[in-house]
């Protein structure tokens, strides 16, 4: 299993747009064989940080999903939320493998 950890810098004044963006990506990850572990949004005070984690069975499975970016109409529409709203200022991703309590 491989887990993608996304670190976002967001515009806190556009949190509703970010939530719409996040809900679409949770749906798309699940629809294309991944497990989305959720988005983690600011809860207290002013913050411009958000995180997301999702897993695929392998890097190859993630790459099949990733190949749909910019091509599949649903992926394009989901990314348009980010582009048009300006809710994401910056992001980076890291790939990790989980060590689970009973694994």
PDB file of N, CA and C in Angstrom:
ATOM      1  N   UNK A   1       0.848  -1.176   0.000  1.00  0.00           N
ATOM      2  CA  UNK A   1       0.000   0.000   0.000  1.00  0.00           C
ATOM      3  C   UNK A   1       0.889   1.234   0.000  1.00  0.00           C
ATOM      4  N   UNK A   2       0.420   2.266  -0.713  1.00  0.00           N
ATOM      5  CA  UNK A   2       1.116   3.548  -0.721  1.00  0.00           C
ATOM      6  C   UNK A   2       0.106   4.638  -0.375  1.00  0.00           C
ATOM      7  N   UNK A   3       0.509   5.556   0.480  1.00  0.00           N
ATOM      8  CA  UNK A   3      -0.373   6.641   0.904  1.00  0.00           C
ATOM      9  C   UNK A   3       0.211   7.956   0.428  1.00  0.00           C
ATOM     10  N   UNK A   4      -0.632   8.738  -0.207  1.00  0.00           N
ATOM     11  CA  UNK A   4      -0.265  10.071  -0.646  1.00  0.00           C
ATOM     12  C   UNK A   4      -0.716  11.045   0.439  1.00  0.00           C
ATOM     13  N   UNK A   5       0.230  11.833   0.940  1.00  0.00           N
ATOM     14  CA  UNK A   5      -0.059  12.854   1.940  1.00  0.00           C
ATOM     15  C   UNK A   5       0.085  14.200   1.237  1.00  0.00           C
ATOM     16  N   UNK A   6      -1.016  14.929   1.167  1.00  0.00           N
ATOM     17  CA  UNK A   6      -1.017  16.244   0.524  1.00  0.00           C
ATOM     18  C   UNK A   6      -1.025  17.329   1.584  1.00  0.00           C
ATOM     19  N   UNK A   7      -0.110  18.268   1.455  1.00  0.00           N
ATOM     20  CA  UNK A   7      -0.001  19.418   2.351  1.00  0.00           C
ATOM     21  C   UNK A   7      -0.444  20.641   1.538  1.00  0.00           C
ATOM     22  N   UNK A   8      -1.483  21.296   1.991  1.00  0.00           N
ATOM     23  CA  UNK A   8      -2.016  22.456   1.284  1.00  0.00           C
ATOM     24  C   UNK A   8      -1.783  23.734   2.068  1.00  0.00           C
ATOM     25  N   UNK A   9      -1.494  24.805   1.350  1.00  0.00           N
ATOM     26  CA  UNK A   9      -1.628  26.157   1.871  1.00  0.00           C
ATOM     27  C   UNK A   9      -2.874  26.693   1.190  1.00  0.00           C
ATOM     28  N   UNK A  10      -3.867  27.054   1.985  1.00  0.00           N
ATOM     29  CA  UNK A  10      -5.154  27.474   1.435  1.00  0.00           C
ATOM     30  C   UNK A  10      -5.437  28.932   1.777  1.00  0.00           C
ATOM     31  N   UNK A  11      -6.397  29.489   1.067  1.00  0.00           N
ATOM     32  CA  UNK A  11      -6.899  30.820   1.392  1.00  0.00           C
ATOM     33  C   UNK A  11      -8.022  30.616   2.399  1.00  0.00           C
ATOM     34  N   UNK A  12      -7.822  30.975   3.669  1.00  0.00           N
ATOM     35  CA  UNK A  12      -8.839  30.723   4.696  1.00  0.00           C
ATOM     36  C   UNK A  12     -10.180  31.392   4.406  1.00  0.00           C
ATOM     37  N   UNK A  13     -10.178  32.449   3.619  1.00  0.00           N
ATOM     38  CA  UNK A  13     -11.445  33.115   3.278  1.00  0.00           C
ATOM     39  C   UNK A  13     -12.219  32.340   2.219  1.00  0.00           C
ATOM     40  N   UNK A  14     -11.616  31.284   1.671  1.00  0.00           N
ATOM     41  CA  UNK A  14     -12.264  30.481   0.619  1.00  0.00           C
ATOM     42  C   UNK A  14     -12.431  29.026   1.059  1.00  0.00           C
ATOM     43  N   UNK A  15     -12.651  28.822   2.351  1.00  0.00           N
ATOM     44  CA  UNK A  15     -12.747  27.468   2.896  1.00  0.00           C
ATOM     45  C   UNK A  15     -13.931  26.693   2.313  1.00  0.00           C
ATOM     46  N   UNK A  16     -15.035  27.373   2.025  1.00  0.00           N
ATOM     47  CA  UNK A  16     -16.192  26.668   1.439  1.00  0.00           C
ATOM     48  C   UNK A  16     -15.847  26.113   0.061  1.00  0.00           C
ATOM     49  N   UNK A  17     -15.115  26.870  -0.735  1.00  0.00           N
ATOM     50  CA  UNK A  17     -14.689  26.377  -2.049  1.00  0.00           C
ATOM     51  C   UNK A  17     -13.728  25.198  -1.880  1.00  0.00           C
ATOM     52  N   UNK A  18     -12.834  25.299  -0.890  1.00  0.00           N
ATOM     53  CA  UNK A  18     -11.908  24.198  -0.646  1.00  0.00           C
ATOM     54  C   UNK A  18     -12.672  22.941  -0.244  1.00  0.00           C
ATOM     55  N   UNK A  19     -13.708  23.081   0.564  1.00  0.00           N
ATOM     56  CA  UNK A  19     -14.506  21.917   0.962  1.00  0.00           C
ATOM     57  C   UNK A  19     -15.206  21.297  -0.248  1.00  0.00           C
ATOM     58  N   UNK A  20     -15.704  22.095  -1.179  1.00  0.00           N
ATOM     59  CA  UNK A  20     -16.321  21.556  -2.405  1.00  0.00           C
ATOM     60  C   UNK A  20     -15.272  20.792  -3.210  1.00  0.00           C
ATOM     61  N   UNK A  21     -14.111  21.394  -3.356  1.00  0.00           N
ATOM     62  CA  UNK A  21     -12.980  20.772  -4.055  1.00  0.00           C
ATOM     63  C   UNK A  21     -12.631  19.426  -3.399  1.00  0.00           C
ATOM     64  N   UNK A  22     -12.511  19.425  -2.077  1.00  0.00           N
ATOM     65  CA  UNK A  22     -12.139  18.224  -1.333  1.00  0.00           C
ATOM     66  C   UNK A  22     -13.173  17.120  -1.489  1.00  0.00           C
ATOM     67  N   UNK A  23     -14.441  17.452  -1.408  1.00  0.00           N
ATOM     68  CA  UNK A  23     -15.498  16.429  -1.543  1.00  0.00           C
ATOM     69  C   UNK A  23     -15.442  15.755  -2.911  1.00  0.00           C
ATOM     70  N   UNK A  24     -15.170  16.526  -3.937  1.00  0.00           N
ATOM     71  CA  UNK A  24     -15.056  15.929  -5.274  1.00  0.00           C
ATOM     72  C   UNK A  24     -13.879  14.973  -5.356  1.00  0.00           C
ATOM     73  N   UNK A  25     -12.736  15.361  -4.798  1.00  0.00           N
ATOM     74  CA  UNK A  25     -11.573  14.473  -4.866  1.00  0.00           C
ATOM     75  C   UNK A  25     -11.740  13.230  -4.002  1.00  0.00           C
ATOM     76  N   UNK A  26     -12.436  13.338  -2.886  1.00  0.00           N
ATOM     77  CA  UNK A  26     -12.708  12.131  -2.091  1.00  0.00           C
ATOM     78  C   UNK A  26     -13.537  11.150  -2.915  1.00  0.00           C
ATOM     79  N   UNK A  27     -14.530  11.671  -3.612  1.00  0.00           N
ATOM     80  CA  UNK A  27     -15.392  10.829  -4.458  1.00  0.00           C
ATOM     81  C   UNK A  27     -14.585  10.189  -5.582  1.00  0.00           C
ATOM     82  N   UNK A  28     -13.732  10.974  -6.240  1.00  0.00           N
ATOM     83  CA  UNK A  28     -12.968  10.457  -7.377  1.00  0.00           C
ATOM     84  C   UNK A  28     -11.931   9.417  -6.961  1.00  0.00           C
ATOM     85  N   UNK A  29     -11.269   9.626  -5.838  1.00  0.00           N
ATOM     86  CA  UNK A  29     -10.311   8.630  -5.359  1.00  0.00           C
ATOM     87  C   UNK A  29     -11.028   7.301  -5.129  1.00  0.00           C
ATOM     88  N   UNK A  30     -12.171   7.350  -4.442  1.00  0.00           N
ATOM     89  CA  UNK A  30     -12.929   6.121  -4.162  1.00  0.00           C
ATOM     90  C   UNK A  30     -13.423   5.465  -5.451  1.00  0.00           C
ATOM     91  N   UNK A  31     -13.863   6.269  -6.400  1.00  0.00           N
ATOM     92  CA  UNK A  31     -14.392   5.737  -7.662  1.00  0.00           C
ATOM     93  C   UNK A  31     -13.307   5.074  -8.512  1.00  0.00           C
ATOM     94  N   UNK A  32     -12.051   5.404  -8.244  1.00  0.00           N
ATOM     95  CA  UNK A  32     -10.958   4.876  -9.061  1.00  0.00           C
ATOM     96  C   UNK A  32     -10.028   3.964  -8.271  1.00  0.00           C
ATOM     97  N   UNK A  33     -10.580   3.314  -7.242  1.00  0.00           N
ATOM     98  CA  UNK A  33      -9.867   2.241  -6.561  1.00  0.00           C
ATOM     99  C   UNK A  33      -9.041   2.616  -5.352  1.00  0.00           C
ATOM    100  N   UNK A  34      -9.086   3.873  -4.953  1.00  0.00           N
ATOM    101  CA  UNK A  34      -8.322   4.289  -3.784  1.00  0.00           C
ATOM    102  C   UNK A  34      -9.174   4.327  -2.534  1.00  0.00           C
ATOM    103  N   UNK A  35      -8.524   4.556  -1.426  1.00  0.00           N
ATOM    104  CA  UNK A  35      -9.199   4.740  -0.138  1.00  0.00           C
ATOM    105  C   UNK A  35      -8.827   6.135   0.337  1.00  0.00           C
ATOM    106  N   UNK A  36      -9.818   6.991   0.469  1.00  0.00           N
ATOM    107  CA  UNK A  36      -9.539   8.343   0.951  1.00  0.00           C
ATOM    108  C   UNK A  36      -9.706   8.357   2.461  1.00  0.00           C
ATOM    109  N   UNK A  37      -8.710   8.871   3.154  1.00  0.00           N
ATOM    110  CA  UNK A  37      -8.727   8.933   4.614  1.00  0.00           C
ATOM    111  C   UNK A  37      -9.225  10.283   5.114  1.00  0.00           C
ATOM    112  N   UNK A  38      -9.547  11.169   4.189  1.00  0.00           N
ATOM    113  CA  UNK A  38     -10.140  12.449   4.545  1.00  0.00           C
ATOM    114  C   UNK A  38      -9.225  13.635   4.351  1.00  0.00           C
ATOM    115  N   UNK A  39      -9.852  14.783   4.438  1.00  0.00           N
ATOM    116  CA  UNK A  39      -9.164  16.069   4.450  1.00  0.00           C
ATOM    117  C   UNK A  39      -9.208  16.562   5.882  1.00  0.00           C
ATOM    118  N   UNK A  40      -8.173  17.237   6.293  1.00  0.00           N
ATOM    119  CA  UNK A  40      -8.072  17.758   7.640  1.00  0.00           C
ATOM    120  C   UNK A  40      -7.908  19.265   7.520  1.00  0.00           C
ATOM    121  N   UNK A  41      -8.931  19.985   8.009  1.00  0.00           N
ATOM    122  CA  UNK A  41      -9.043  21.421   7.802  1.00  0.00           C
ATOM    123  C   UNK A  41      -8.794  22.177   9.095  1.00  0.00           C
ATOM    124  N   UNK A  42      -8.466  23.461   8.990  1.00  0.00           N
ATOM    125  CA  UNK A  42      -8.273  24.262  10.198  1.00  0.00           C
ATOM    126  C   UNK A  42      -9.511  24.223  11.082  1.00  0.00           C
ATOM    127  N   UNK A  43      -9.295  24.087  12.382  1.00  0.00           N
ATOM    128  CA  UNK A  43     -10.420  23.996  13.316  1.00  0.00           C
ATOM    129  C   UNK A  43     -10.444  25.135  14.320  1.00  0.00           C
ATOM    130  N   UNK A  44      -9.310  25.638  14.692  1.00  0.00           N
ATOM    131  CA  UNK A  44      -9.225  26.685  15.725  1.00  0.00           C
ATOM    132  C   UNK A  44      -8.377  27.826  15.193  1.00  0.00           C
ATOM    133  N   UNK A  45      -8.882  29.028  15.326  1.00  0.00           N
ATOM    134  CA  UNK A  45      -8.097  30.198  14.957  1.00  0.00           C
ATOM    135  C   UNK A  45      -7.844  30.297  13.466  1.00  0.00           C
ATOM    136  N   UNK A  46      -7.108  31.304  13.091  1.00  0.00           N
ATOM    137  CA  UNK A  46      -6.776  31.520  11.689  1.00  0.00           C
ATOM    138  C   UNK A  46      -5.659  30.569  11.280  1.00  0.00           C
ATOM    139  N   UNK A  47      -5.878  29.858  10.237  1.00  0.00           N
ATOM    140  CA  UNK A  47      -4.861  28.938   9.739  1.00  0.00           C
ATOM    141  C   UNK A  47      -5.017  28.802   8.236  1.00  0.00           C
ATOM    142  N   UNK A  48      -3.899  28.629   7.576  1.00  0.00           N
ATOM    143  CA  UNK A  48      -3.930  28.442   6.126  1.00  0.00           C
ATOM    144  C   UNK A  48      -3.426  27.059   5.730  1.00  0.00           C
ATOM    145  N   UNK A  49      -3.459  26.115   6.684  1.00  0.00           N
ATOM    146  CA  UNK A  49      -2.978  24.753   6.427  1.00  0.00           C
ATOM    147  C   UNK A  49      -4.126  23.759   6.349  1.00  0.00           C
ATOM    148  N   UNK A  50      -4.031  22.850   5.398  1.00  0.00           N
ATOM    149  CA  UNK A  50      -4.960  21.728   5.297  1.00  0.00           C
ATOM    150  C   UNK A  50      -4.147  20.524   4.834  1.00  0.00           C
ATOM    151  N   UNK A  51      -4.624  19.357   5.167  1.00  0.00           N
ATOM    152  CA  UNK A  51      -3.943  18.115   4.806  1.00  0.00           C
ATOM    153  C   UNK A  51      -4.958  17.131   4.244  1.00  0.00           C
ATOM    154  N   UNK A  52      -4.483  16.216   3.417  1.00  0.00           N
ATOM    155  CA  UNK A  52      -5.322  15.130   2.910  1.00  0.00           C
ATOM    156  C   UNK A  52      -4.463  13.876   2.826  1.00  0.00           C
ATOM    157  N   UNK A  53      -5.090  12.733   3.049  1.00  0.00           N
ATOM    158  CA  UNK A  53      -4.409  11.450   2.927  1.00  0.00           C
ATOM    159  C   UNK A  53      -5.297  10.491   2.162  1.00  0.00           C
ATOM    160  N   UNK A  54      -4.709   9.811   1.195  1.00  0.00           N
ATOM    161  CA  UNK A  54      -5.428   8.741   0.512  1.00  0.00           C
ATOM    162  C   UNK A  54      -4.435   7.674   0.087  1.00  0.00           C
ATOM    163  N   UNK A  55      -4.947   6.446  -0.037  1.00  0.00           N
ATOM    164  CA  UNK A  55      -4.080   5.304  -0.320  1.00  0.00           C
ATOM    165  C   UNK A  55      -4.543   4.545  -1.544  1.00  0.00           C
ATOM    166  N   UNK A  56      -3.577   3.939  -2.205  1.00  0.00           N
ATOM    167  CA  UNK A  56      -3.827   2.994  -3.290  1.00  0.00           C
ATOM    168  C   UNK A  56      -3.033   1.736  -2.977  1.00  0.00           C
ATOM    169  N   UNK A  57      -3.429   0.632  -3.563  1.00  0.00           N
ATOM    170  CA  UNK A  57      -2.778  -0.643  -3.260  1.00  0.00           C
ATOM    171  C   UNK A  57      -1.307  -0.652  -3.662  1.00  0.00           C
ATOM    172  N   UNK A  58      -0.938   0.181  -4.653  1.00  0.00           N
ATOM    173  CA  UNK A  58       0.447   0.215  -5.118  1.00  0.00           C
ATOM    174  C   UNK A  58       0.706   1.535  -5.833  1.00  0.00           C
ATOM    175  N   UNK A  59       1.976   1.812  -6.094  1.00  0.00           N
ATOM    176  CA  UNK A  59       2.312   3.001  -6.868  1.00  0.00           C
ATOM    177  C   UNK A  59       1.748   2.888  -8.278  1.00  0.00           C
ATOM    178  N   UNK A  60       1.742   1.701  -8.840  1.00  0.00           N
ATOM    179  CA  UNK A  60       1.183   1.495 -10.183  1.00  0.00           C
ATOM    180  C   UNK A  60      -0.305   1.839 -10.205  1.00  0.00           C
ATOM    181  N   UNK A  61      -1.044   1.446  -9.166  1.00  0.00           N
ATOM    182  CA  UNK A  61      -2.481   1.775  -9.094  1.00  0.00           C
ATOM    183  C   UNK A  61      -2.670   3.288  -8.976  1.00  0.00           C
ATOM    184  N   UNK A  62      -1.817   3.947  -8.184  1.00  0.00           N
ATOM    185  CA  UNK A  62      -1.880   5.402  -8.081  1.00  0.00           C
ATOM    186  C   UNK A  62      -1.590   6.043  -9.440  1.00  0.00           C
ATOM    187  N   UNK A  63      -0.617   5.538 -10.151  1.00  0.00           N
ATOM    188  CA  UNK A  63      -0.257   6.108 -11.452  1.00  0.00           C
ATOM    189  C   UNK A  63      -1.377   5.953 -12.466  1.00  0.00           C
ATOM    190  N   UNK A  64      -2.154   4.857 -12.405  1.00  0.00           N
ATOM    191  CA  UNK A  64      -3.323   4.701 -13.293  1.00  0.00           C
ATOM    192  C   UNK A  64      -4.356   5.780 -12.985  1.00  0.00           C
ATOM    193  N   UNK A  65      -4.592   6.024 -11.695  1.00  0.00           N
ATOM    194  CA  UNK A  65      -5.493   7.092 -11.259  1.00  0.00           C
ATOM    195  C   UNK A  65      -4.962   8.445 -11.717  1.00  0.00           C
ATOM    196  N   UNK A  66      -3.700   8.692 -11.499  1.00  0.00           N
ATOM    197  CA  UNK A  66      -3.083   9.984 -11.818  1.00  0.00           C
ATOM    198  C   UNK A  66      -3.107  10.276 -13.320  1.00  0.00           C
ATOM    199  N   UNK A  67      -3.090   9.229 -14.147  1.00  0.00           N
ATOM    200  CA  UNK A  67      -3.120   9.405 -15.606  1.00  0.00           C
ATOM    201  C   UNK A  67      -4.410  10.066 -16.085  1.00  0.00           C
ATOM    202  N   UNK A  68      -5.442  10.073 -15.246  1.00  0.00           N
ATOM    203  CA  UNK A  68      -6.728  10.667 -15.625  1.00  0.00           C
ATOM    204  C   UNK A  68      -6.753  12.184 -15.460  1.00  0.00           C
ATOM    205  N   UNK A  69      -5.761  12.747 -14.753  1.00  0.00           N
ATOM    206  CA  UNK A  69      -5.701  14.194 -14.548  1.00  0.00           C
ATOM    207  C   UNK A  69      -5.577  14.907 -15.885  1.00  0.00           C
ATOM    208  N   UNK A  70      -6.402  15.932 -16.070  1.00  0.00           N
ATOM    209  CA  UNK A  70      -6.347  16.720 -17.288  1.00  0.00           C
ATOM    210  C   UNK A  70      -6.977  16.056 -18.488  1.00  0.00           C
ATOM    211  N   UNK A  71      -7.456  14.810 -18.325  1.00  0.00           N
ATOM    212  CA  UNK A  71      -8.021  14.054 -19.441  1.00  0.00           C
ATOM    213  C   UNK A  71      -9.496  13.721 -19.181  1.00  0.00           C
ATOM    214  N   UNK A  72      -9.758  13.097 -18.046  1.00  0.00           N
ATOM    215  CA  UNK A  72     -11.118  12.682 -17.687  1.00  0.00           C
ATOM    216  C   UNK A  72     -11.952  13.919 -17.333  1.00  0.00           C
ATOM    217  N   UNK A  73     -13.151  14.053 -17.908  1.00  0.00           N
ATOM    218  CA  UNK A  73     -13.974  15.240 -17.653  1.00  0.00           C
ATOM    219  C   UNK A  73     -14.295  15.472 -16.169  1.00  0.00           C
ATOM    220  N   UNK A  74     -14.476  14.401 -15.392  1.00  0.00           N
ATOM    221  CA  UNK A  74     -14.755  14.575 -13.964  1.00  0.00           C
ATOM    222  C   UNK A  74     -13.542  15.141 -13.222  1.00  0.00           C
ATOM    223  N   UNK A  75     -12.360  14.701 -13.602  1.00  0.00           N
ATOM    224  CA  UNK A  75     -11.135  15.205 -12.987  1.00  0.00           C
ATOM    225  C   UNK A  75     -10.934  16.677 -13.341  1.00  0.00           C
ATOM    226  N   UNK A  76     -11.185  17.012 -14.600  1.00  0.00           N
ATOM    227  CA  UNK A  76     -11.049  18.400 -15.050  1.00  0.00           C
ATOM    228  C   UNK A  76     -12.028  19.292 -14.293  1.00  0.00           C
ATOM    229  N   UNK A  77     -13.276  18.834 -14.151  1.00  0.00           N
ATOM    230  CA  UNK A  77     -14.289  19.630 -13.438  1.00  0.00           C
ATOM    231  C   UNK A  77     -13.916  19.814 -11.969  1.00  0.00           C
ATOM    232  N   UNK A  78     -13.404  18.765 -11.327  1.00  0.00           N
ATOM    233  CA  UNK A  78     -13.013  18.868  -9.915  1.00  0.00           C
ATOM    234  C   UNK A  78     -11.860  19.855  -9.748  1.00  0.00           C
ATOM    235  N   UNK A  79     -10.903  19.793 -10.643  1.00  0.00           N
ATOM    236  CA  UNK A  79      -9.769  20.702 -10.533  1.00  0.00           C
ATOM    237  C   UNK A  79     -10.157  22.139 -10.880  1.00  0.00           C
ATOM    238  N   UNK A  80     -11.178  22.306 -11.670  1.00  0.00           N
ATOM    239  CA  UNK A  80     -11.652  23.649 -12.017  1.00  0.00           C
ATOM    240  C   UNK A  80     -12.118  24.399 -10.767  1.00  0.00           C
ATOM    241  N   UNK A  81     -12.660  23.688  -9.777  1.00  0.00           N
ATOM    242  CA  UNK A  81     -13.076  24.330  -8.524  1.00  0.00           C
ATOM    243  C   UNK A  81     -11.883  25.043  -7.900  1.00  0.00           C
ATOM    244  N   UNK A  82     -10.755  24.356  -7.829  1.00  0.00           N
ATOM    245  CA  UNK A  82      -9.529  24.939  -7.276  1.00  0.00           C
ATOM    246  C   UNK A  82      -9.052  26.117  -8.112  1.00  0.00           C
ATOM    247  N   UNK A  83      -8.992  25.906  -9.423  1.00  0.00           N
ATOM    248  CA  UNK A  83      -8.441  26.928 -10.307  1.00  0.00           C
ATOM    249  C   UNK A  83      -9.295  28.205 -10.314  1.00  0.00           C
ATOM    250  N   UNK A  84     -10.601  28.041 -10.371  1.00  0.00           N
ATOM    251  CA  UNK A  84     -11.475  29.215 -10.480  1.00  0.00           C
ATOM    252  C   UNK A  84     -11.681  29.933  -9.155  1.00  0.00           C
ATOM    253  N   UNK A  85     -11.635  29.202  -8.059  1.00  0.00           N
ATOM    254  CA  UNK A  85     -11.887  29.836  -6.759  1.00  0.00           C
ATOM    255  C   UNK A  85     -10.631  30.440  -6.148  1.00  0.00           C
ATOM    256  N   UNK A  86      -9.478  29.880  -6.478  1.00  0.00           N
ATOM    257  CA  UNK A  86      -8.244  30.323  -5.839  1.00  0.00           C
ATOM    258  C   UNK A  86      -8.112  29.849  -4.393  1.00  0.00           C
ATOM    259  N   UNK A  87      -8.851  28.788  -4.045  1.00  0.00           N
ATOM    260  CA  UNK A  87      -8.840  28.310  -2.653  1.00  0.00           C
ATOM    261  C   UNK A  87      -7.522  27.665  -2.256  1.00  0.00           C
ATOM    262  N   UNK A  88      -6.776  27.118  -3.202  1.00  0.00           N
ATOM    263  CA  UNK A  88      -5.473  26.496  -2.921  1.00  0.00           C
ATOM    264  C   UNK A  88      -4.383  27.444  -3.415  1.00  0.00           C
ATOM    265  N   UNK A  89      -3.533  27.857  -2.506  1.00  0.00           N
ATOM    266  CA  UNK A  89      -2.429  28.741  -2.862  1.00  0.00           C
ATOM    267  C   UNK A  89      -1.187  27.952  -3.266  1.00  0.00           C
ATOM    268  N   UNK A  90      -1.011  26.800  -2.614  1.00  0.00           N
ATOM    269  CA  UNK A  90       0.153  25.952  -2.874  1.00  0.00           C
ATOM    270  C   UNK A  90      -0.129  24.575  -2.303  1.00  0.00           C
ATOM    271  N   UNK A  91       0.501  23.567  -2.907  1.00  0.00           N
ATOM    272  CA  UNK A  91       0.407  22.223  -2.328  1.00  0.00           C
ATOM    273  C   UNK A  91       1.654  21.436  -2.691  1.00  0.00           C
ATOM    274  N   UNK A  92       1.927  20.430  -1.885  1.00  0.00           N
ATOM    275  CA  UNK A  92       2.965  19.469  -2.227  1.00  0.00           C
ATOM    276  C   UNK A  92       2.514  18.110  -1.725  1.00  0.00           C
ATOM    277  N   UNK A  93       3.065  17.088  -2.329  1.00  0.00           N
ATOM    278  CA  UNK A  93       2.660  15.730  -1.959  1.00  0.00           C
ATOM    279  C   UNK A  93       3.872  14.898  -1.596  1.00  0.00           C
ATOM    280  N   UNK A  94       3.639  13.988  -0.675  1.00  0.00           N
ATOM    281  CA  UNK A  94       4.650  13.047  -0.226  1.00  0.00           C
ATOM    282  C   UNK A  94       4.020  11.666  -0.259  1.00  0.00           C
ATOM    283  N   UNK A  95       4.775  10.680  -0.659  1.00  0.00           N
ATOM    284  CA  UNK A  95       4.283   9.299  -0.653  1.00  0.00           C
ATOM    285  C   UNK A  95       4.886   8.573   0.535  1.00  0.00           C
ATOM    286  N   UNK A  96       4.014   7.892   1.266  1.00  0.00           N
ATOM    287  CA  UNK A  96       4.450   7.185   2.459  1.00  0.00           C
ATOM    288  C   UNK A  96       3.816   5.796   2.463  1.00  0.00           C
ATOM    289  N   UNK A  97       4.377   4.919   3.249  1.00  0.00           N
ATOM    290  CA  UNK A  97       3.736   3.616   3.463  1.00  0.00           C
ATOM    291  C   UNK A  97       3.341   3.545   4.936  1.00  0.00           C
ATOM    292  N   UNK A  98       2.117   3.143   5.165  1.00  0.00           N
ATOM    293  CA  UNK A  98       1.645   3.120   6.547  1.00  0.00           C
ATOM    294  C   UNK A  98       2.190   1.926   7.332  1.00  0.00           C
ATOM    295  N   UNK A  99       2.426   2.155   8.595  1.00  0.00           N
ATOM    296  CA  UNK A  99       2.704   1.103   9.559  1.00  0.00           C
ATOM    297  C   UNK A  99       1.505   1.133  10.497  1.00  0.00           C
ATOM    298  N   UNK A 100       0.650   0.138  10.383  1.00  0.00           N
ATOM    299  CA  UNK A 100      -0.621   0.130  11.112  1.00  0.00           C
ATOM    300  C   UNK A 100      -0.533  -0.752  12.352  1.00  0.00           C
ATOM    301  N   UNK A 101      -1.361  -0.489  13.360  1.00  0.00           N
ATOM    302  CA  UNK A 101      -1.280  -1.232  14.626  1.00  0.00           C
ATOM    303  C   UNK A 101      -1.350  -2.741  14.470  1.00  0.00           C
ATOM    304  N   UNK A 102      -2.184  -3.219  13.578  1.00  0.00           N
ATOM    305  CA  UNK A 102      -2.352  -4.675  13.431  1.00  0.00           C
ATOM    306  C   UNK A 102      -1.857  -5.159  12.088  1.00  0.00           C
ATOM    307  N   UNK A 103      -0.893  -4.461  11.519  1.00  0.00           N
ATOM    308  CA  UNK A 103      -0.418  -4.813  10.174  1.00  0.00           C
ATOM    309  C   UNK A 103       0.897  -5.360  10.183  1.00  0.00           C
TER     310      UNK A 103
END
